[in-house]
Amino acid sequence: MERIDPALEGFKYYCSRFRNKFTFNERFTPWNCPHCNVGKLMAKEENFLCKDTIPKHPDSEPRLQYSGFFDCNYCDCKTFSTGTGFNNYYCSGDPAIGDFSEMYINEYTPQFFSPSIMLFNPPAGTPKSVRDSLRRAFSICWSDIPASCNVLRVTVEILLKERWPEVPIVINGKYLNKKLNELKRIEEKKPKFLEIIDYFLAIKWLGNNGSHDNELEERDLAVAFKIMEKALILLYSQDDNSVSEWVRMINAAEGRPIKS
């Protein structure tokens, strides 16, 4: 297959991420409350237990492990979380005058949220079965990227059954690729649906990578989530044109367009 040289869109793909860090130096975290989806989660140091972990190897850096809960600044509900962290060194200043300041900051990366954080909000018309499958993908994306991407692939299967229940191959077909090809034949005169099917194909390739080689990285899953978000917007809400190039790159490479 043709390989597409990563230009600007390739760079955006490479830099895509969803795993954000938080510190106790800042009041708000990057995440919305999963209870109300309005407020921001707040990290208060007194609500967390943080401990150093013993490195398995002498050359490994010591890591932090945390467990605790975030408060919402809107609904006051609690979101429980566990994860890891590092004590990172930062230095800033003006070398021209020799004025420098330095500090160490503990930065934490979540591995689990309860309830799970929704990385995007599906449109109102999204079927419940699709929403539930998305939530499963979101719940493990912090700790198991390949497994989460594979669940996202399963979400495509569920969506096809919901949207095209009258097509037997969508319900009974064994291979997702065959299902998508059949849908392309059925919807060949509808460009909008052909575009959506291409999006599903891109998620299928990434999901296959997650099943077989276990080499998916954060950027791959971040893009897969963005592609699914746009597919749902096209099906159930207004359009969004931000990921078309990523879809083209993944489908041309039949998987990951950027190898590590």
C-alpha atoms as a PDB file:
ATOM      1  CA  MET A   1       0.000   0.000   0.000  1.00  0.00           C
ATOM      2  CA  GLU A   2       0.993   3.598  -0.553  1.00  0.00           C
ATOM      3  CA  ARG A   3       2.734   5.211   2.393  1.00  0.00           C
ATOM      4  CA  ILE A   4       1.891   8.858   2.972  1.00  0.00           C
ATOM      5  CA  ASP A   5       4.735  11.072   4.123  1.00  0.00           C
ATOM      6  CA  PRO A   6       3.760  12.714   7.403  1.00  0.00           C
ATOM      7  CA  ALA A   7       3.669  16.482   6.842  1.00  0.00           C
ATOM      8  CA  LEU A   8       1.722  18.867   9.056  1.00  0.00           C
ATOM      9  CA  GLU A   9      -1.120  16.421   9.670  1.00  0.00           C
ATOM     10  CA  GLY A  10       1.445  13.711  10.367  1.00  0.00           C
ATOM     11  CA  PHE A  11       3.074  15.960  12.936  1.00  0.00           C
ATOM     12  CA  LYS A  12      -0.299  16.568  14.564  1.00  0.00           C
ATOM     13  CA  TYR A  13      -0.853  12.805  14.614  1.00  0.00           C
ATOM     14  CA  TYR A  14       2.546  12.255  16.210  1.00  0.00           C
ATOM     15  CA  CYS A  15       1.829  14.805  18.944  1.00  0.00           C
ATOM     16  CA  SER A  16      -1.712  13.636  19.737  1.00  0.00           C
ATOM     17  CA  ARG A  17      -2.259  12.575  23.316  1.00  0.00           C
ATOM     18  CA  PHE A  18      -4.896  12.188  25.997  1.00  0.00           C
ATOM     19  CA  ARG A  19      -2.811  11.236  29.022  1.00  0.00           C
ATOM     20  CA  ASN A  20      -2.461  14.477  30.944  1.00  0.00           C
ATOM     21  CA  LYS A  21      -0.648  14.989  34.214  1.00  0.00           C
ATOM     22  CA  PHE A  22      -1.732  16.840  37.328  1.00  0.00           C
ATOM     23  CA  THR A  23       0.087  18.361  40.260  1.00  0.00           C
ATOM     24  CA  PHE A  24      -0.964  19.636  43.642  1.00  0.00           C
ATOM     25  CA  ASN A  25       0.583  22.993  42.695  1.00  0.00           C
ATOM     26  CA  GLU A  26      -2.381  23.757  40.440  1.00  0.00           C
ATOM     27  CA  ARG A  27      -5.955  23.877  41.656  1.00  0.00           C
ATOM     28  CA  PHE A  28      -7.664  22.383  38.608  1.00  0.00           C
ATOM     29  CA  THR A  29      -6.840  19.218  36.664  1.00  0.00           C
ATOM     30  CA  PRO A  30      -7.346  18.876  32.861  1.00  0.00           C
ATOM     31  CA  TRP A  31     -10.502  16.750  33.263  1.00  0.00           C
ATOM     32  CA  ASN A  32     -14.201  17.467  33.475  1.00  0.00           C
ATOM     33  CA  CYS A  33     -16.231  15.826  36.203  1.00  0.00           C
ATOM     34  CA  PRO A  34     -17.689  12.491  34.976  1.00  0.00           C
ATOM     35  CA  HIS A  35     -20.741  12.970  37.222  1.00  0.00           C
ATOM     36  CA  CYS A  36     -22.045  16.331  35.962  1.00  0.00           C
ATOM     37  CA  ASN A  37     -19.777  16.913  32.930  1.00  0.00           C
ATOM     38  CA  VAL A  38     -19.850  20.615  33.787  1.00  0.00           C
ATOM     39  CA  GLY A  39     -17.339  21.177  36.566  1.00  0.00           C
ATOM     40  CA  LYS A  40     -13.589  20.616  36.641  1.00  0.00           C
ATOM     41  CA  LEU A  41     -11.907  18.035  38.836  1.00  0.00           C
ATOM     42  CA  MET A  42      -9.788  19.562  41.604  1.00  0.00           C
ATOM     43  CA  ALA A  43      -6.745  17.863  43.151  1.00  0.00           C
ATOM     44  CA  LYS A  44      -6.342  18.602  46.858  1.00  0.00           C
ATOM     45  CA  GLU A  45      -3.263  17.062  48.437  1.00  0.00           C
ATOM     46  CA  GLU A  46      -5.102  16.129  51.633  1.00  0.00           C
ATOM     47  CA  ASN A  47      -7.397  13.827  49.599  1.00  0.00           C
ATOM     48  CA  PHE A  48      -4.537  11.670  48.287  1.00  0.00           C
ATOM     49  CA  LEU A  49      -2.144   9.101  49.696  1.00  0.00           C
ATOM     50  CA  CYS A  50       1.184   9.268  47.837  1.00  0.00           C
ATOM     51  CA  LYS A  51       4.087   6.899  48.408  1.00  0.00           C
ATOM     52  CA  ASP A  52       7.488   6.235  46.846  1.00  0.00           C
ATOM     53  CA  THR A  53       7.881   2.868  45.145  1.00  0.00           C
ATOM     54  CA  ILE A  54      11.082   0.843  45.206  1.00  0.00           C
ATOM     55  CA  PRO A  55      12.659   0.548  41.716  1.00  0.00           C
ATOM     56  CA  LYS A  56      12.915  -2.995  40.361  1.00  0.00           C
ATOM     57  CA  HIS A  57      16.317  -2.242  38.858  1.00  0.00           C
ATOM     58  CA  PRO A  58      19.185  -0.228  40.379  1.00  0.00           C
ATOM     59  CA  ASP A  59      19.293   2.145  37.379  1.00  0.00           C
ATOM     60  CA  SER A  60      15.561   2.861  37.436  1.00  0.00           C
ATOM     61  CA  GLU A  61      14.249   6.169  38.737  1.00  0.00           C
ATOM     62  CA  PRO A  62      12.094   5.973  41.854  1.00  0.00           C
ATOM     63  CA  ARG A  63       8.408   6.335  41.058  1.00  0.00           C
ATOM     64  CA  LEU A  64       5.488   7.616  43.050  1.00  0.00           C
ATOM     65  CA  GLN A  65       2.191   5.814  43.498  1.00  0.00           C
ATOM     66  CA  TYR A  66      -0.971   7.637  44.461  1.00  0.00           C
ATOM     67  CA  SER A  67      -4.513   6.787  45.472  1.00  0.00           C
ATOM     68  CA  GLY A  68      -7.275   9.214  46.344  1.00  0.00           C
ATOM     69  CA  PHE A  69     -10.153  11.249  44.991  1.00  0.00           C
ATOM     70  CA  PHE A  70     -10.802  14.469  43.082  1.00  0.00           C
ATOM     71  CA  ASP A  71     -13.528  16.951  44.031  1.00  0.00           C
ATOM     72  CA  CYS A  72     -15.733  18.642  41.436  1.00  0.00           C
ATOM     73  CA  ASN A  73     -15.905  22.417  41.677  1.00  0.00           C
ATOM     74  CA  TYR A  74     -19.528  22.340  40.458  1.00  0.00           C
ATOM     75  CA  CYS A  75     -21.426  19.339  41.850  1.00  0.00           C
ATOM     76  CA  ASP A  76     -19.090  18.391  44.759  1.00  0.00           C
ATOM     77  CA  CYS A  77     -19.120  14.724  43.706  1.00  0.00           C
ATOM     78  CA  LYS A  78     -15.970  12.656  44.190  1.00  0.00           C
ATOM     79  CA  THR A  79     -14.058  10.850  41.443  1.00  0.00           C
ATOM     80  CA  PHE A  80     -11.656   8.195  42.687  1.00  0.00           C
ATOM     81  CA  SER A  81      -8.333   7.567  40.997  1.00  0.00           C
ATOM     82  CA  THR A  82      -5.050   5.695  41.230  1.00  0.00           C
ATOM     83  CA  GLY A  83      -1.880   6.255  39.250  1.00  0.00           C
ATOM     84  CA  THR A  84       1.832   6.920  39.218  1.00  0.00           C
ATOM     85  CA  GLY A  85       4.088   9.944  39.344  1.00  0.00           C
ATOM     86  CA  PHE A  86       7.622  11.267  39.129  1.00  0.00           C
ATOM     87  CA  ASN A  87       9.546  13.948  40.950  1.00  0.00           C
ATOM     88  CA  ASN A  88      10.607  16.170  38.039  1.00  0.00           C
ATOM     89  CA  TYR A  89      13.254  18.897  38.042  1.00  0.00           C
ATOM     90  CA  TYR A  90      12.564  22.267  36.397  1.00  0.00           C
ATOM     91  CA  CYS A  91      14.953  25.162  35.847  1.00  0.00           C
ATOM     92  CA  SER A  92      14.161  28.562  34.350  1.00  0.00           C
ATOM     93  CA  GLY A  93      15.774  31.969  34.160  1.00  0.00           C
ATOM     94  CA  ASP A  94      17.805  34.377  32.067  1.00  0.00           C
ATOM     95  CA  PRO A  95      21.266  33.044  31.118  1.00  0.00           C
ATOM     96  CA  ALA A  96      22.363  36.563  30.080  1.00  0.00           C
ATOM     97  CA  ILE A  97      22.294  37.787  33.654  1.00  0.00           C
ATOM     98  CA  GLY A  98      22.828  34.433  35.340  1.00  0.00           C
ATOM     99  CA  ASP A  99      19.474  34.565  37.087  1.00  0.00           C
ATOM    100  CA  PHE A 100      18.045  31.048  37.463  1.00  0.00           C
ATOM    101  CA  SER A 101      15.366  29.445  39.580  1.00  0.00           C
ATOM    102  CA  GLU A 102      14.912  25.739  40.063  1.00  0.00           C
ATOM    103  CA  MET A 103      12.340  23.492  41.647  1.00  0.00           C
ATOM    104  CA  TYR A 104      11.227  19.893  41.973  1.00  0.00           C
ATOM    105  CA  ILE A 105       7.565  19.129  41.293  1.00  0.00           C
ATOM    106  CA  ASN A 106       5.710  15.858  41.775  1.00  0.00           C
ATOM    107  CA  GLU A 107       3.695  15.188  38.603  1.00  0.00           C
ATOM    108  CA  TYR A 108       1.103  12.419  38.528  1.00  0.00           C
ATOM    109  CA  THR A 109      -0.402  10.412  35.650  1.00  0.00           C
ATOM    110  CA  PRO A 110      -3.693   8.572  36.287  1.00  0.00           C
ATOM    111  CA  GLN A 111      -4.070   4.879  35.514  1.00  0.00           C
ATOM    112  CA  PHE A 112      -7.657   4.492  36.664  1.00  0.00           C
ATOM    113  CA  PHE A 113     -10.734   6.667  37.303  1.00  0.00           C
ATOM    114  CA  SER A 114     -14.011   5.695  38.956  1.00  0.00           C
ATOM    115  CA  PRO A 115     -16.355   6.624  37.423  1.00  0.00           C
ATOM    116  CA  SER A 116     -14.416   6.680  34.153  1.00  0.00           C
ATOM    117  CA  ILE A 117     -13.572   9.980  32.481  1.00  0.00           C
ATOM    118  CA  MET A 118     -15.326  10.585  29.160  1.00  0.00           C
ATOM    119  CA  LEU A 119     -12.613  11.859  26.794  1.00  0.00           C
ATOM    120  CA  PHE A 120     -15.343  13.216  24.545  1.00  0.00           C
ATOM    121  CA  ASN A 121     -19.107  13.489  24.837  1.00  0.00           C
ATOM    122  CA  PRO A 122     -21.020  11.556  22.173  1.00  0.00           C
ATOM    123  CA  PRO A 123     -23.877  13.448  20.476  1.00  0.00           C
ATOM    124  CA  ALA A 124     -27.270  13.185  22.127  1.00  0.00           C
ATOM    125  CA  GLY A 125     -28.575  10.762  19.513  1.00  0.00           C
ATOM    126  CA  THR A 126     -25.825   8.179  20.048  1.00  0.00           C
ATOM    127  CA  PRO A 127     -27.356   4.771  20.963  1.00  0.00           C
ATOM    128  CA  LYS A 128     -26.912   3.649  24.571  1.00  0.00           C
ATOM    129  CA  SER A 129     -25.095   0.464  23.520  1.00  0.00           C
ATOM    130  CA  VAL A 130     -22.492   2.561  21.703  1.00  0.00           C
ATOM    131  CA  ARG A 131     -22.142   4.898  24.679  1.00  0.00           C
ATOM    132  CA  ASP A 132     -21.663   1.949  27.034  1.00  0.00           C
ATOM    133  CA  SER A 133     -18.963   0.438  24.799  1.00  0.00           C
ATOM    134  CA  LEU A 134     -17.207   3.806  24.578  1.00  0.00           C
ATOM    135  CA  ARG A 135     -17.221   4.055  28.339  1.00  0.00           C
ATOM    136  CA  ARG A 136     -15.511   0.660  28.552  1.00  0.00           C
ATOM    137  CA  ALA A 137     -12.822   1.902  26.159  1.00  0.00           C
ATOM    138  CA  PHE A 138     -12.376   5.079  28.208  1.00  0.00           C
ATOM    139  CA  SER A 139     -12.165   3.146  31.469  1.00  0.00           C
ATOM    140  CA  ILE A 140      -9.033   1.195  30.450  1.00  0.00           C
ATOM    141  CA  CYS A 141      -7.324   3.668  28.116  1.00  0.00           C
ATOM    142  CA  TRP A 142      -5.113   5.021  30.902  1.00  0.00           C
ATOM    143  CA  SER A 143      -3.598   1.645  31.759  1.00  0.00           C
ATOM    144  CA  ASP A 144      -3.944  -0.569  28.646  1.00  0.00           C
ATOM    145  CA  ILE A 145      -3.796   1.273  25.324  1.00  0.00           C
ATOM    146  CA  PRO A 146      -3.947  -1.776  22.978  1.00  0.00           C
ATOM    147  CA  ALA A 147      -6.923  -3.248  24.861  1.00  0.00           C
ATOM    148  CA  SER A 148      -8.748   0.073  24.815  1.00  0.00           C
ATOM    149  CA  CYS A 149      -8.236   0.418  21.065  1.00  0.00           C
ATOM    150  CA  ASN A 150      -9.553  -3.099  20.592  1.00  0.00           C
ATOM    151  CA  VAL A 151     -12.686  -2.204  22.567  1.00  0.00           C
ATOM    152  CA  LEU A 152     -13.070   0.815  20.291  1.00  0.00           C
ATOM    153  CA  ARG A 153     -13.006  -1.570  17.325  1.00  0.00           C
ATOM    154  CA  VAL A 154     -15.783  -3.573  19.004  1.00  0.00           C
ATOM    155  CA  THR A 155     -17.682  -0.286  19.404  1.00  0.00           C
ATOM    156  CA  VAL A 156     -17.635   0.037  15.613  1.00  0.00           C
ATOM    157  CA  GLU A 157     -19.271  -3.405  15.345  1.00  0.00           C
ATOM    158  CA  ILE A 158     -21.961  -2.357  17.814  1.00  0.00           C
ATOM    159  CA  LEU A 159     -22.569   0.898  15.969  1.00  0.00           C
ATOM    160  CA  LEU A 160     -22.954  -0.898  12.637  1.00  0.00           C
ATOM    161  CA  LYS A 161     -25.604  -3.167  14.121  1.00  0.00           C
ATOM    162  CA  GLU A 162     -27.452  -0.163  15.553  1.00  0.00           C
ATOM    163  CA  ARG A 163     -27.295   1.982  12.411  1.00  0.00           C
ATOM    164  CA  TRP A 164     -27.788  -0.694   9.726  1.00  0.00           C
ATOM    165  CA  PRO A 165     -29.870  -3.436  11.437  1.00  0.00           C
ATOM    166  CA  GLU A 166     -31.501  -4.416   8.144  1.00  0.00           C
ATOM    167  CA  VAL A 167     -28.200  -5.553   6.609  1.00  0.00           C
ATOM    168  CA  PRO A 168     -27.660  -9.247   7.498  1.00  0.00           C
ATOM    169  CA  ILE A 169     -23.880  -9.152   6.987  1.00  0.00           C
ATOM    170  CA  VAL A 170     -23.605  -6.361   9.541  1.00  0.00           C
ATOM    171  CA  ILE A 171     -25.218  -8.590  12.132  1.00  0.00           C
ATOM    172  CA  ASN A 172     -23.938 -12.013  11.103  1.00  0.00           C
ATOM    173  CA  GLY A 173     -20.779 -11.321   9.102  1.00  0.00           C
ATOM    174  CA  LYS A 174     -17.633 -12.717  10.666  1.00  0.00           C
ATOM    175  CA  TYR A 175     -15.105 -10.141   9.485  1.00  0.00           C
ATOM    176  CA  LEU A 176     -15.416  -6.409  10.011  1.00  0.00           C
ATOM    177  CA  ASN A 177     -13.637  -5.730   6.723  1.00  0.00           C
ATOM    178  CA  LYS A 178     -16.326  -7.633   4.820  1.00  0.00           C
ATOM    179  CA  LYS A 179     -19.036  -5.746   6.654  1.00  0.00           C
ATOM    180  CA  LEU A 180     -17.514  -2.395   5.766  1.00  0.00           C
ATOM    181  CA  ASN A 181     -17.104  -3.396   2.102  1.00  0.00           C
ATOM    182  CA  GLU A 182     -20.745  -4.479   1.978  1.00  0.00           C
ATOM    183  CA  LEU A 183     -21.813  -1.160   3.481  1.00  0.00           C
ATOM    184  CA  LYS A 184     -19.752   0.708   0.891  1.00  0.00           C
ATOM    185  CA  ARG A 185     -21.670  -1.129  -1.815  1.00  0.00           C
ATOM    186  CA  ILE A 186     -25.013  -0.331  -0.184  1.00  0.00           C
ATOM    187  CA  GLU A 187     -24.201   3.340   0.447  1.00  0.00           C
ATOM    188  CA  GLU A 188     -22.195   3.945  -2.750  1.00  0.00           C
ATOM    189  CA  LYS A 189     -24.380   6.906  -3.755  1.00  0.00           C
ATOM    190  CA  LYS A 190     -24.128   8.611  -0.369  1.00  0.00           C
ATOM    191  CA  PRO A 191     -20.716  10.352   0.008  1.00  0.00           C
ATOM    192  CA  LYS A 192     -21.356  11.184   3.662  1.00  0.00           C
ATOM    193  CA  PHE A 193     -21.770   7.526   4.604  1.00  0.00           C
ATOM    194  CA  LEU A 194     -18.811   6.484   2.485  1.00  0.00           C
ATOM    195  CA  GLU A 195     -16.688   8.930   4.482  1.00  0.00           C
ATOM    196  CA  ILE A 196     -17.975   7.528   7.772  1.00  0.00           C
ATOM    197  CA  ILE A 197     -17.225   3.975   6.642  1.00  0.00           C
ATOM    198  CA  ASP A 198     -13.644   5.071   5.911  1.00  0.00           C
ATOM    199  CA  TYR A 199     -13.454   6.325   9.490  1.00  0.00           C
ATOM    200  CA  PHE A 200     -14.609   2.950  10.766  1.00  0.00           C
ATOM    201  CA  LEU A 201     -11.979   1.299   8.584  1.00  0.00           C
ATOM    202  CA  ALA A 202      -9.240   3.430  10.178  1.00  0.00           C
ATOM    203  CA  ILE A 203     -10.395   2.376  13.660  1.00  0.00           C
ATOM    204  CA  LYS A 204     -10.474  -1.220  12.458  1.00  0.00           C
ATOM    205  CA  TRP A 205      -6.806  -1.068  11.350  1.00  0.00           C
ATOM    206  CA  LEU A 206      -5.699   0.448  14.648  1.00  0.00           C
ATOM    207  CA  GLY A 207      -7.807  -2.052  16.594  1.00  0.00           C
ATOM    208  CA  ASN A 208      -6.175  -4.881  14.655  1.00  0.00           C
ATOM    209  CA  ASN A 209      -2.751  -3.539  15.650  1.00  0.00           C
ATOM    210  CA  GLY A 210      -3.909  -3.527  19.258  1.00  0.00           C
ATOM    211  CA  SER A 211      -4.968  -7.162  18.993  1.00  0.00           C
ATOM    212  CA  HIS A 212      -1.910  -8.542  17.225  1.00  0.00           C
ATOM    213  CA  ASP A 213       1.320  -6.680  17.915  1.00  0.00           C
ATOM    214  CA  ASN A 214       0.601  -4.838  21.187  1.00  0.00           C
ATOM    215  CA  GLU A 215       2.677  -1.877  19.948  1.00  0.00           C
ATOM    216  CA  LEU A 216       0.059   0.854  19.899  1.00  0.00           C
ATOM    217  CA  GLU A 217       1.060   4.060  21.625  1.00  0.00           C
ATOM    218  CA  GLU A 218      -0.838   6.903  23.215  1.00  0.00           C
ATOM    219  CA  ARG A 219      -0.957   8.917  19.994  1.00  0.00           C
ATOM    220  CA  ASP A 220      -2.575   6.010  18.099  1.00  0.00           C
ATOM    221  CA  LEU A 221      -5.390   5.677  20.618  1.00  0.00           C
ATOM    222  CA  ALA A 222      -5.789   9.461  20.894  1.00  0.00           C
ATOM    223  CA  VAL A 223      -6.330   9.640  17.122  1.00  0.00           C
ATOM    224  CA  ALA A 224      -8.692   6.633  17.194  1.00  0.00           C
ATOM    225  CA  PHE A 225     -10.842   8.409  19.790  1.00  0.00           C
ATOM    226  CA  LYS A 226     -10.859  11.564  17.660  1.00  0.00           C
ATOM    227  CA  ILE A 227     -11.894   9.582  14.583  1.00  0.00           C
ATOM    228  CA  MET A 228     -14.723   7.896  16.487  1.00  0.00           C
ATOM    229  CA  GLU A 229     -15.854  11.253  17.821  1.00  0.00           C
ATOM    230  CA  LYS A 230     -16.074  12.665  14.301  1.00  0.00           C
ATOM    231  CA  ALA A 231     -17.896   9.580  12.983  1.00  0.00           C
ATOM    232  CA  LEU A 232     -20.523   9.994  15.699  1.00  0.00           C
ATOM    233  CA  ILE A 233     -20.806  13.704  14.947  1.00  0.00           C
ATOM    234  CA  LEU A 234     -21.348  12.959  11.253  1.00  0.00           C
ATOM    235  CA  LEU A 235     -23.998  10.343  12.088  1.00  0.00           C
ATOM    236  CA  TYR A 236     -25.803  12.035  14.929  1.00  0.00           C
ATOM    237  CA  SER A 237     -24.840  15.720  14.994  1.00  0.00           C
ATOM    238  CA  GLN A 238     -22.969  18.405  13.054  1.00  0.00           C
ATOM    239  CA  ASP A 239     -19.827  17.885  10.980  1.00  0.00           C
ATOM    240  CA  ASP A 240     -16.208  18.290  12.089  1.00  0.00           C
ATOM    241  CA  ASN A 241     -13.376  18.317   9.537  1.00  0.00           C
ATOM    242  CA  SER A 242     -10.357  18.002  11.827  1.00  0.00           C
ATOM    243  CA  VAL A 243      -9.349  14.360  11.302  1.00  0.00           C
ATOM    244  CA  SER A 244      -9.810  13.548   7.603  1.00  0.00           C
ATOM    245  CA  GLU A 245      -6.060  13.464   6.930  1.00  0.00           C
ATOM    246  CA  TRP A 246      -5.460  11.072   9.817  1.00  0.00           C
ATOM    247  CA  VAL A 247      -8.081   8.710   8.413  1.00  0.00           C
ATOM    248  CA  ARG A 248      -6.406   8.815   4.990  1.00  0.00           C
ATOM    249  CA  MET A 249      -2.965   8.151   6.506  1.00  0.00           C
ATOM    250  CA  ILE A 250      -4.100   5.175   8.619  1.00  0.00           C
ATOM    251  CA  ASN A 251      -6.035   3.548   5.800  1.00  0.00           C
ATOM    252  CA  ALA A 252      -3.163   3.998   3.339  1.00  0.00           C
ATOM    253  CA  ALA A 253      -0.737   2.382   5.791  1.00  0.00           C
ATOM    254  CA  GLU A 254      -3.263  -0.270   6.874  1.00  0.00           C
ATOM    255  CA  GLY A 255      -2.421   0.530  10.474  1.00  0.00           C
ATOM    256  CA  ARG A 256      -0.035   2.849  12.228  1.00  0.00           C
ATOM    257  CA  PRO A 257       1.236   5.557   9.860  1.00  0.00           C
ATOM    258  CA  ILE A 258       4.128   6.507  12.162  1.00  0.00           C
ATOM    259  CA  LYS A 259       6.335   3.765  13.584  1.00  0.00           C
ATOM    260  CA  SER A 260       8.470   4.228  16.669  1.00  0.00           C
END
